[in-house]
């Protein structure tokens, strides 16, 4: 998905996010996204390891 957006598209998305949330909310938003990605990755690793153990 991100491969089709390109650099100008990413810049546009960042500008829109900055306008919508404001500069004071960006660190909080970044932390929330980071925590969500970390939880998703750890859950995915757990599922893969469980699947490998069943074989």
N, C-alpha and C. Protein backbone atom coordinates (compact mmCIF):
# COMPACT_ATOMS: atom_id res chain seq x y z
N UNK A 1 0.81 -1.19 0.00
CA UNK A 1 0.00 0.00 0.00
C UNK A 1 0.86 1.26 0.00
N UNK A 2 1.83 1.34 0.90
CA UNK A 2 2.66 2.53 0.97
C UNK A 2 3.57 2.67 -0.24
N UNK A 3 3.81 1.61 -0.95
CA UNK A 3 4.67 1.68 -2.12
C UNK A 3 4.03 2.53 -3.21
N UNK A 4 2.73 2.57 -3.27
CA UNK A 4 2.04 3.32 -4.32
C UNK A 4 1.83 4.79 -3.97
N UNK A 5 2.01 5.17 -2.72
CA UNK A 5 1.75 6.55 -2.31
C UNK A 5 2.87 7.48 -2.77
N UNK A 6 4.11 7.14 -2.52
CA UNK A 6 5.24 7.98 -2.91
C UNK A 6 5.50 9.08 -1.91
N UNK A 7 6.59 9.77 -2.11
CA UNK A 7 7.01 10.82 -1.18
C UNK A 7 6.03 12.00 -1.13
N UNK A 8 5.56 12.52 -2.27
CA UNK A 8 4.61 13.64 -2.19
C UNK A 8 3.32 13.26 -1.44
N UNK A 9 2.87 12.04 -1.61
CA UNK A 9 1.67 11.59 -0.90
C UNK A 9 1.89 11.53 0.59
N UNK A 10 3.07 11.05 1.01
CA UNK A 10 3.38 10.99 2.44
C UNK A 10 3.46 12.38 3.04
N UNK A 11 4.05 13.31 2.31
CA UNK A 11 4.13 14.69 2.79
C UNK A 11 2.73 15.27 2.95
N UNK A 12 1.87 15.01 1.99
CA UNK A 12 0.49 15.51 2.07
C UNK A 12 -0.24 14.91 3.28
N UNK A 13 -0.05 13.62 3.52
CA UNK A 13 -0.68 12.98 4.68
C UNK A 13 -0.17 13.60 5.97
N UNK A 14 1.14 13.83 6.07
CA UNK A 14 1.70 14.44 7.27
C UNK A 14 1.17 15.85 7.49
N UNK A 15 1.00 16.62 6.42
CA UNK A 15 0.46 17.97 6.54
C UNK A 15 -0.99 17.92 7.04
N UNK A 16 -1.77 17.01 6.49
CA UNK A 16 -3.18 16.88 6.93
C UNK A 16 -3.24 16.47 8.40
N UNK A 17 -2.41 15.52 8.80
CA UNK A 17 -2.38 15.09 10.21
C UNK A 17 -1.98 16.26 11.10
N UNK A 18 -1.00 17.04 10.67
CA UNK A 18 -0.57 18.20 11.45
C UNK A 18 -1.70 19.21 11.59
N UNK A 19 -2.45 19.44 10.53
CA UNK A 19 -3.57 20.38 10.58
C UNK A 19 -4.69 19.86 11.48
N UNK A 20 -5.01 18.58 11.35
CA UNK A 20 -6.13 18.01 12.11
C UNK A 20 -5.81 17.93 13.60
N UNK A 21 -4.63 17.42 13.96
CA UNK A 21 -4.32 17.17 15.37
C UNK A 21 -3.55 18.30 16.02
N UNK A 22 -2.86 19.10 15.26
CA UNK A 22 -2.07 20.19 15.83
C UNK A 22 -0.73 19.69 16.32
N UNK A 23 0.24 20.60 16.41
CA UNK A 23 1.59 20.19 16.79
C UNK A 23 1.71 19.67 18.23
N UNK A 24 0.82 20.10 19.11
CA UNK A 24 0.92 19.66 20.51
C UNK A 24 0.48 18.21 20.70
N UNK A 25 -0.39 17.70 19.83
CA UNK A 25 -0.89 16.34 19.96
C UNK A 25 -0.04 15.31 19.21
N UNK A 26 0.86 15.74 18.35
CA UNK A 26 1.63 14.80 17.53
C UNK A 26 2.49 13.83 18.34
N UNK A 27 3.20 14.25 19.40
CA UNK A 27 3.97 13.26 20.17
C UNK A 27 3.09 12.19 20.81
N UNK A 28 1.95 12.61 21.34
CA UNK A 28 1.01 11.67 21.95
C UNK A 28 0.47 10.70 20.90
N UNK A 29 0.13 11.22 19.74
CA UNK A 29 -0.37 10.38 18.65
C UNK A 29 0.70 9.40 18.18
N UNK A 30 1.94 9.86 18.09
CA UNK A 30 3.05 9.00 17.69
C UNK A 30 3.28 7.86 18.67
N UNK A 31 3.21 8.18 19.97
CA UNK A 31 3.36 7.13 20.98
C UNK A 31 2.25 6.11 20.89
N UNK A 32 1.03 6.56 20.67
CA UNK A 32 -0.10 5.64 20.57
C UNK A 32 0.06 4.72 19.36
N UNK A 33 0.48 5.28 18.23
CA UNK A 33 0.70 4.47 17.03
C UNK A 33 1.83 3.48 17.27
N UNK A 34 2.89 3.92 17.91
CA UNK A 34 4.02 3.04 18.22
C UNK A 34 3.63 1.88 19.12
N UNK A 35 2.85 2.18 20.16
CA UNK A 35 2.38 1.11 21.06
C UNK A 35 1.50 0.12 20.33
N UNK A 36 0.63 0.63 19.47
CA UNK A 36 -0.26 -0.23 18.71
C UNK A 36 0.52 -1.15 17.78
N UNK A 37 1.50 -0.59 17.08
CA UNK A 37 2.33 -1.42 16.19
C UNK A 37 3.12 -2.45 16.97
N UNK A 38 3.65 -2.08 18.13
CA UNK A 38 4.41 -3.02 18.96
C UNK A 38 3.52 -4.17 19.41
N UNK A 39 2.31 -3.87 19.86
CA UNK A 39 1.39 -4.92 20.29
C UNK A 39 1.00 -5.81 19.12
N UNK A 40 0.77 -5.22 17.96
CA UNK A 40 0.41 -6.01 16.79
C UNK A 40 1.54 -6.95 16.40
N UNK A 41 2.78 -6.45 16.39
CA UNK A 41 3.93 -7.28 16.02
C UNK A 41 4.13 -8.41 17.01
N UNK A 42 4.00 -8.12 18.30
CA UNK A 42 4.20 -9.18 19.29
C UNK A 42 3.09 -10.22 19.20
N UNK A 43 1.88 -9.80 18.92
CA UNK A 43 0.78 -10.76 18.75
C UNK A 43 0.99 -11.61 17.51
N UNK A 44 1.46 -11.00 16.44
CA UNK A 44 1.72 -11.75 15.21
C UNK A 44 2.83 -12.77 15.43
N UNK A 45 3.90 -12.38 16.14
CA UNK A 45 4.99 -13.31 16.43
C UNK A 45 4.50 -14.47 17.28
N UNK A 46 3.64 -14.17 18.24
CA UNK A 46 3.08 -15.21 19.11
C UNK A 46 2.23 -16.19 18.30
N UNK A 47 1.43 -15.68 17.39
CA UNK A 47 0.60 -16.55 16.56
C UNK A 47 1.46 -17.44 15.67
N UNK A 48 2.51 -16.87 15.10
CA UNK A 48 3.39 -17.65 14.23
C UNK A 48 4.11 -18.73 15.02
N UNK A 49 4.59 -18.40 16.24
CA UNK A 49 5.30 -19.39 17.05
C UNK A 49 4.34 -20.48 17.50
N UNK A 50 3.09 -20.13 17.83
CA UNK A 50 2.09 -21.14 18.19
C UNK A 50 1.80 -22.05 17.02
N UNK A 51 1.72 -21.49 15.84
CA UNK A 51 1.43 -22.28 14.63
C UNK A 51 2.57 -23.24 14.35
N UNK A 52 3.82 -22.80 14.53
CA UNK A 52 4.98 -23.65 14.27
C UNK A 52 5.04 -24.80 15.27
N UNK A 53 4.65 -24.54 16.53
CA UNK A 53 4.68 -25.58 17.56
C UNK A 53 3.66 -26.67 17.29
N UNK A 54 2.54 -26.33 16.66
CA UNK A 54 1.50 -27.31 16.37
C UNK A 54 1.91 -28.30 15.30
N UNK A 55 2.82 -27.90 14.42
CA UNK A 55 3.22 -28.78 13.30
C UNK A 55 4.09 -29.91 13.74
